[in-house]
Amino acid sequence: MHLATNRFVLRDFVDDDLSLFAAYRADPRSNELHGPEESDPAHAARLIQLFKTWAAERPRQNFQLATTLLDGSLIGCCGLRMKDAGTGRAELGVELDPAYWGRFGYATEIMKRLVDFGFKDLALTQIFGSTISVNARVSRLAGAFGATCLERPTPDWMAEKGWRRIEWRINRDEWLARSHDNSSRPKPLRGTAWKQDRVGAGH
């Protein structure tokens, strides 16, 4: 699998990605918004093996991809996961190395490419994603796509920090209408207000 944008390549993971993948996930800024097990290098290794297993499945139901710069440098992870999401639906996640948070619209460019792939190539009818109530970056991204949102059951480790789990959704017809309307501008996210930092990957 190989998807390109102006600045990135989204491709299947290989074993050589492990060191950089594990390193950025162990960054304290990254695991502040993860469960405690997410920073373990062994967990990163298990994830890459899982992603490779998904890539080999036929028919393929989950696309969990390494995000690289055009020079091949790994800077994150992203994906569309259809298995267990329901007919015509997929969960989207975008995760960046904290060194690249907030940089030049990186997450927006990646997210738009995945949504476009999901609706146009996979013929999905709805794409959704999960985040937390302190994640303002996702609020801006999802709002730009005209997404709606709902509160979902919150894991204990999130609740202990006073956070809530949020799910955003966008339908195919809404996305295609917006993508063909060159005059449209980002609109506020409907349904809730969020506060602060990072794009959730939802592994």
C-alpha atoms as a PDB file:
ATOM      1  CA  MET A   1       0.000   0.000   0.000  1.00  0.00           C
ATOM      2  CA  HIS A   2       1.359   3.387  -1.007  1.00  0.00           C
ATOM      3  CA  LEU A   3      -0.525   6.692  -0.734  1.00  0.00           C
ATOM      4  CA  ALA A   4       1.145   9.995  -1.493  1.00  0.00           C
ATOM      5  CA  THR A   5       0.452  13.621  -0.659  1.00  0.00           C
ATOM      6  CA  ASN A   6       2.446  16.729  -1.517  1.00  0.00           C
ATOM      7  CA  ARG A   7       4.768  16.155   1.451  1.00  0.00           C
ATOM      8  CA  PHE A   8       4.256  12.584   2.675  1.00  0.00           C
ATOM      9  CA  VAL A   9       4.188   8.933   1.767  1.00  0.00           C
ATOM     10  CA  LEU A  10       1.778   6.659   3.643  1.00  0.00           C
ATOM     11  CA  ARG A  11       2.942   3.059   3.280  1.00  0.00           C
ATOM     12  CA  ASP A  12       2.840  -0.321   4.944  1.00  0.00           C
ATOM     13  CA  PHE A  13       5.152  -0.864   7.909  1.00  0.00           C
ATOM     14  CA  VAL A  14       8.372  -2.866   7.647  1.00  0.00           C
ATOM     15  CA  ASP A  15      10.575  -4.281  10.422  1.00  0.00           C
ATOM     16  CA  ASP A  16      13.161  -1.513   9.963  1.00  0.00           C
ATOM     17  CA  ASP A  17      10.586   1.032  11.171  1.00  0.00           C
ATOM     18  CA  LEU A  18      10.626  -0.315  14.729  1.00  0.00           C
ATOM     19  CA  SER A  19      13.406   1.797  16.241  1.00  0.00           C
ATOM     20  CA  LEU A  20      11.945   5.155  15.188  1.00  0.00           C
ATOM     21  CA  PHE A  21       8.367   4.053  15.884  1.00  0.00           C
ATOM     22  CA  ALA A  22       9.260   2.917  19.414  1.00  0.00           C
ATOM     23  CA  ALA A  23      11.362   6.023  20.074  1.00  0.00           C
ATOM     24  CA  TYR A  24       8.674   8.600  19.364  1.00  0.00           C
ATOM     25  CA  ARG A  25       6.020   6.614  21.205  1.00  0.00           C
ATOM     26  CA  ALA A  26       8.289   6.593  24.280  1.00  0.00           C
ATOM     27  CA  ASP A  27       8.545  10.400  24.216  1.00  0.00           C
ATOM     28  CA  PRO A  28       6.869  11.714  27.415  1.00  0.00           C
ATOM     29  CA  ARG A  29       4.865  14.198  25.354  1.00  0.00           C
ATOM     30  CA  SER A  30       3.380  11.346  23.354  1.00  0.00           C
ATOM     31  CA  ASN A  31       2.512   8.988  26.180  1.00  0.00           C
ATOM     32  CA  GLU A  32       0.837  11.729  28.218  1.00  0.00           C
ATOM     33  CA  LEU A  33      -2.186  11.086  26.006  1.00  0.00           C
ATOM     34  CA  HIS A  34      -1.830   7.292  25.831  1.00  0.00           C
ATOM     35  CA  GLY A  35      -2.531   4.542  28.295  1.00  0.00           C
ATOM     36  CA  PRO A  36       0.552   3.628  30.379  1.00  0.00           C
ATOM     37  CA  GLU A  37       1.431   0.506  28.325  1.00  0.00           C
ATOM     38  CA  GLU A  38       1.769   2.474  25.079  1.00  0.00           C
ATOM     39  CA  SER A  39       5.335   3.673  25.759  1.00  0.00           C
ATOM     40  CA  ASP A  40       6.771   0.140  26.156  1.00  0.00           C
ATOM     41  CA  PRO A  41       9.124  -0.755  23.228  1.00  0.00           C
ATOM     42  CA  ALA A  42       7.765  -4.313  23.329  1.00  0.00           C
ATOM     43  CA  HIS A  43       4.288  -2.908  22.753  1.00  0.00           C
ATOM     44  CA  ALA A  44       5.569  -0.963  19.732  1.00  0.00           C
ATOM     45  CA  ALA A  45       7.050  -4.183  18.322  1.00  0.00           C
ATOM     46  CA  ARG A  46       3.743  -6.003  18.787  1.00  0.00           C
ATOM     47  CA  LEU A  47       1.921  -3.204  17.013  1.00  0.00           C
ATOM     48  CA  ILE A  48       4.168  -3.356  13.960  1.00  0.00           C
ATOM     49  CA  GLN A  49       3.690  -7.123  13.722  1.00  0.00           C
ATOM     50  CA  LEU A  50      -0.064  -6.605  13.989  1.00  0.00           C
ATOM     51  CA  PHE A  51       0.010  -3.972  11.239  1.00  0.00           C
ATOM     52  CA  LYS A  52       1.964  -6.350   8.987  1.00  0.00           C
ATOM     53  CA  THR A  53      -0.568  -9.105   9.653  1.00  0.00           C
ATOM     54  CA  TRP A  54      -3.403  -6.765   8.701  1.00  0.00           C
ATOM     55  CA  ALA A  55      -1.575  -5.830   5.474  1.00  0.00           C
ATOM     56  CA  ALA A  56      -1.380  -9.493   4.443  1.00  0.00           C
ATOM     57  CA  GLU A  57      -5.068 -10.226   5.005  1.00  0.00           C
ATOM     58  CA  ARG A  58      -7.324 -10.779   1.989  1.00  0.00           C
ATOM     59  CA  PRO A  59      -9.684  -9.112   1.743  1.00  0.00           C
ATOM     60  CA  ARG A  60      -7.866  -6.402   3.591  1.00  0.00           C
ATOM     61  CA  GLN A  61      -9.931  -4.752   6.295  1.00  0.00           C
ATOM     62  CA  ASN A  62      -7.413  -2.577   8.136  1.00  0.00           C
ATOM     63  CA  PHE A  63      -4.955  -0.106   6.637  1.00  0.00           C
ATOM     64  CA  GLN A  64      -2.486   0.950   9.340  1.00  0.00           C
ATOM     65  CA  LEU A  65       0.332   2.818   7.632  1.00  0.00           C
ATOM     66  CA  ALA A  66       3.692   4.346   8.401  1.00  0.00           C
ATOM     67  CA  THR A  67       3.820   8.077   7.709  1.00  0.00           C
ATOM     68  CA  THR A  68       7.097   9.234   6.170  1.00  0.00           C
ATOM     69  CA  LEU A  69       8.486  12.408   4.699  1.00  0.00           C
ATOM     70  CA  LEU A  70       9.421  12.260   1.022  1.00  0.00           C
ATOM     71  CA  ASP A  71      13.016  11.455   2.038  1.00  0.00           C
ATOM     72  CA  GLY A  72      11.754   8.306   3.805  1.00  0.00           C
ATOM     73  CA  SER A  73      12.025   9.564   7.398  1.00  0.00           C
ATOM     74  CA  LEU A  74       9.359   8.000   9.645  1.00  0.00           C
ATOM     75  CA  ILE A  75       7.373  10.685  11.471  1.00  0.00           C
ATOM     76  CA  GLY A  76       4.217   8.866  12.534  1.00  0.00           C
ATOM     77  CA  CYS A  77       1.466   6.380  11.947  1.00  0.00           C
ATOM     78  CA  CYS A  78      -2.002   6.634  10.445  1.00  0.00           C
ATOM     79  CA  GLY A  79      -4.794   4.386   9.283  1.00  0.00           C
ATOM     80  CA  LEU A  80      -8.306   3.363   8.409  1.00  0.00           C
ATOM     81  CA  ARG A  81      -9.626   0.312  10.262  1.00  0.00           C
ATOM     82  CA  MET A  82     -12.792  -1.269   8.889  1.00  0.00           C
ATOM     83  CA  LYS A  83     -12.837  -4.525  10.858  1.00  0.00           C
ATOM     84  CA  ASP A  84     -15.490  -4.434  13.594  1.00  0.00           C
ATOM     85  CA  ALA A  85     -16.439  -0.859  12.596  1.00  0.00           C
ATOM     86  CA  GLY A  86     -19.695  -1.867  10.916  1.00  0.00           C
ATOM     87  CA  THR A  87     -20.685  -2.162   7.262  1.00  0.00           C
ATOM     88  CA  GLY A  88     -19.362   0.713   5.178  1.00  0.00           C
ATOM     89  CA  ARG A  89     -17.610   2.328   8.147  1.00  0.00           C
ATOM     90  CA  ALA A  90     -13.979   2.761   9.219  1.00  0.00           C
ATOM     91  CA  GLU A  91     -12.139   4.290  12.142  1.00  0.00           C
ATOM     92  CA  LEU A  92      -9.469   6.822  11.233  1.00  0.00           C
ATOM     93  CA  GLY A  93      -6.407   7.620  13.312  1.00  0.00           C
ATOM     94  CA  VAL A  94      -3.450   9.950  12.772  1.00  0.00           C
ATOM     95  CA  GLU A  95      -0.453   9.882  15.118  1.00  0.00           C
ATOM     96  CA  LEU A  96       2.642  12.070  14.778  1.00  0.00           C
ATOM     97  CA  ASP A  97       6.028  12.086  16.440  1.00  0.00           C
ATOM     98  CA  PRO A  98       5.726  14.929  19.008  1.00  0.00           C
ATOM     99  CA  ALA A  99       8.613  16.682  17.243  1.00  0.00           C
ATOM    100  CA  TYR A 100       6.176  17.353  14.391  1.00  0.00           C
ATOM    101  CA  TRP A 101       3.102  18.387  16.371  1.00  0.00           C
ATOM    102  CA  GLY A 102       1.550  21.585  15.076  1.00  0.00           C
ATOM    103  CA  ARG A 103       3.973  21.854  12.162  1.00  0.00           C
ATOM    104  CA  PHE A 104       2.688  23.339   8.901  1.00  0.00           C
ATOM    105  CA  GLY A 105      -0.624  21.479   8.774  1.00  0.00           C
ATOM    106  CA  TYR A 106       0.951  18.017   8.696  1.00  0.00           C
ATOM    107  CA  ALA A 107      -1.947  16.236  10.402  1.00  0.00           C
ATOM    108  CA  THR A 108      -4.506  17.987   8.206  1.00  0.00           C
ATOM    109  CA  GLU A 109      -2.785  16.880   4.998  1.00  0.00           C
ATOM    110  CA  ILE A 110      -2.507  13.281   6.176  1.00  0.00           C
ATOM    111  CA  MET A 111      -6.059  13.121   7.453  1.00  0.00           C
ATOM    112  CA  LYS A 112      -7.502  14.539   4.222  1.00  0.00           C
ATOM    113  CA  ARG A 113      -5.630  11.932   2.173  1.00  0.00           C
ATOM    114  CA  LEU A 114      -6.988   9.080   4.294  1.00  0.00           C
ATOM    115  CA  VAL A 115     -10.553  10.375   4.199  1.00  0.00           C
ATOM    116  CA  ASP A 116     -10.368  10.782   0.439  1.00  0.00           C
ATOM    117  CA  PHE A 117      -8.960   7.252   0.065  1.00  0.00           C
ATOM    118  CA  GLY A 118     -11.676   5.836   2.303  1.00  0.00           C
ATOM    119  CA  PHE A 119     -14.610   7.427   0.541  1.00  0.00           C
ATOM    120  CA  LYS A 120     -13.383   7.270  -3.054  1.00  0.00           C
ATOM    121  CA  ASP A 121     -11.312   4.060  -3.186  1.00  0.00           C
ATOM    122  CA  LEU A 122     -12.851   1.941  -0.437  1.00  0.00           C
ATOM    123  CA  ALA A 123     -16.415   3.186  -1.047  1.00  0.00           C
ATOM    124  CA  LEU A 124     -16.980   3.800   2.654  1.00  0.00           C
ATOM    125  CA  THR A 125     -20.145   5.550   3.740  1.00  0.00           C
ATOM    126  CA  GLN A 126     -18.905   6.871   7.091  1.00  0.00           C
ATOM    127  CA  ILE A 127     -15.529   7.545   8.715  1.00  0.00           C
ATOM    128  CA  PHE A 128     -15.135   8.178  12.433  1.00  0.00           C
ATOM    129  CA  GLY A 129     -12.356   8.706  14.911  1.00  0.00           C
ATOM    130  CA  SER A 130     -11.767   8.808  18.642  1.00  0.00           C
ATOM    131  CA  THR A 131      -9.971  11.469  20.626  1.00  0.00           C
ATOM    132  CA  ILE A 132     -10.040  13.028  24.075  1.00  0.00           C
ATOM    133  CA  SER A 133     -11.626  16.211  25.346  1.00  0.00           C
ATOM    134  CA  VAL A 134      -8.271  18.017  25.741  1.00  0.00           C
ATOM    135  CA  ASN A 135      -7.345  17.578  22.077  1.00  0.00           C
ATOM    136  CA  ALA A 136      -7.987  20.922  20.377  1.00  0.00           C
ATOM    137  CA  ARG A 137      -6.060  19.945  17.241  1.00  0.00           C
ATOM    138  CA  VAL A 138      -8.573  17.243  16.414  1.00  0.00           C
ATOM    139  CA  SER A 139     -11.374  19.685  17.077  1.00  0.00           C
ATOM    140  CA  ARG A 140      -9.987  21.976  14.398  1.00  0.00           C
ATOM    141  CA  LEU A 141      -9.392  19.128  11.933  1.00  0.00           C
ATOM    142  CA  ALA A 142     -12.763  17.468  12.372  1.00  0.00           C
ATOM    143  CA  GLY A 143     -14.500  20.842  12.278  1.00  0.00           C
ATOM    144  CA  ALA A 144     -12.821  21.617   8.968  1.00  0.00           C
ATOM    145  CA  PHE A 145     -14.401  18.464   7.551  1.00  0.00           C
ATOM    146  CA  GLY A 146     -17.870  19.284   8.864  1.00  0.00           C
ATOM    147  CA  ALA A 147     -17.804  16.388  11.327  1.00  0.00           C
ATOM    148  CA  THR A 148     -20.211  15.847  14.191  1.00  0.00           C
ATOM    149  CA  CYS A 149     -19.220  14.345  17.543  1.00  0.00           C
ATOM    150  CA  LEU A 150     -20.528  12.272  20.441  1.00  0.00           C
ATOM    151  CA  GLU A 151     -19.236  11.401  23.888  1.00  0.00           C
ATOM    152  CA  ARG A 152     -18.315   7.745  24.364  1.00  0.00           C
ATOM    153  CA  PRO A 153     -17.487   5.588  27.430  1.00  0.00           C
ATOM    154  CA  THR A 154     -14.232   6.866  28.888  1.00  0.00           C
ATOM    155  CA  PRO A 155     -11.412   4.528  30.084  1.00  0.00           C
ATOM    156  CA  ASP A 156     -10.506   4.835  33.753  1.00  0.00           C
ATOM    157  CA  TRP A 157      -7.042   6.274  33.078  1.00  0.00           C
ATOM    158  CA  MET A 158      -8.624   9.112  31.089  1.00  0.00           C
ATOM    159  CA  ALA A 159     -11.358   9.748  33.652  1.00  0.00           C
ATOM    160  CA  GLU A 160      -8.735  10.025  36.408  1.00  0.00           C
ATOM    161  CA  LYS A 161      -7.284  13.009  34.536  1.00  0.00           C
ATOM    162  CA  GLY A 162     -10.669  14.618  34.063  1.00  0.00           C
ATOM    163  CA  TRP A 163     -10.782  13.849  30.324  1.00  0.00           C
ATOM    164  CA  ARG A 164     -13.671  12.529  28.237  1.00  0.00           C
ATOM    165  CA  ARG A 165     -13.535  10.222  25.209  1.00  0.00           C
ATOM    166  CA  ILE A 166     -15.014  11.841  22.121  1.00  0.00           C
ATOM    167  CA  GLU A 167     -15.972  10.270  18.794  1.00  0.00           C
ATOM    168  CA  TRP A 168     -16.240  12.381  15.625  1.00  0.00           C
ATOM    169  CA  ARG A 169     -17.996  11.250  12.431  1.00  0.00           C
ATOM    170  CA  ILE A 170     -18.343  12.345   8.819  1.00  0.00           C
ATOM    171  CA  ASN A 171     -20.448  10.793   6.051  1.00  0.00           C
ATOM    172  CA  ARG A 172     -19.393  10.204   2.466  1.00  0.00           C
ATOM    173  CA  ASP A 173     -21.942  12.548   0.899  1.00  0.00           C
ATOM    174  CA  GLU A 174     -20.910  15.372   3.248  1.00  0.00           C
ATOM    175  CA  TRP A 175     -17.226  14.913   2.413  1.00  0.00           C
ATOM    176  CA  LEU A 176     -17.764  14.738  -1.340  1.00  0.00           C
ATOM    177  CA  ALA A 177     -19.999  17.809  -1.254  1.00  0.00           C
ATOM    178  CA  ARG A 178     -17.356  19.777   0.644  1.00  0.00           C
ATOM    179  CA  SER A 179     -14.488  18.532  -1.546  1.00  0.00           C
ATOM    180  CA  HIS A 180     -16.289  19.798  -4.647  1.00  0.00           C
ATOM    181  CA  ASP A 181     -17.099  23.167  -3.061  1.00  0.00           C
ATOM    182  CA  ASN A 182     -13.884  25.108  -3.518  1.00  0.00           C
ATOM    183  CA  SER A 183     -15.395  28.128  -1.807  1.00  0.00           C
ATOM    184  CA  SER A 184     -16.149  26.331   1.469  1.00  0.00           C
ATOM    185  CA  ARG A 185     -14.243  27.240   4.585  1.00  0.00           C
ATOM    186  CA  PRO A 186     -13.706  25.272   7.803  1.00  0.00           C
ATOM    187  CA  LYS A 187     -16.753  25.343  10.054  1.00  0.00           C
ATOM    188  CA  PRO A 188     -16.891  24.917  13.841  1.00  0.00           C
ATOM    189  CA  LEU A 189     -17.296  21.350  15.077  1.00  0.00           C
ATOM    190  CA  ARG A 190     -20.916  20.653  15.899  1.00  0.00           C
ATOM    191  CA  GLY A 191     -21.894  19.142  19.224  1.00  0.00           C
ATOM    192  CA  THR A 192     -19.118  19.893  21.729  1.00  0.00           C
ATOM    193  CA  ALA A 193     -16.153  22.079  22.588  1.00  0.00           C
ATOM    194  CA  TRP A 194     -12.654  20.623  23.063  1.00  0.00           C
ATOM    195  CA  LYS A 195      -9.606  22.123  24.634  1.00  0.00           C
ATOM    196  CA  GLN A 196      -5.992  21.191  23.863  1.00  0.00           C
ATOM    197  CA  ASP A 197      -3.325  18.924  21.983  1.00  0.00           C
ATOM    198  CA  ARG A 198      -2.666  15.899  19.645  1.00  0.00           C
ATOM    199  CA  VAL A 199      -4.347  13.709  17.007  1.00  0.00           C
ATOM    200  CA  GLY A 200      -5.393  10.327  18.365  1.00  0.00           C
ATOM    201  CA  ALA A 201      -4.346   7.123  16.620  1.00  0.00           C
ATOM    202  CA  GLY A 202      -6.777   4.742  18.237  1.00  0.00           C
ATOM    203  CA  HIS A 203      -4.733   1.539  17.928  1.00  0.00           C
END
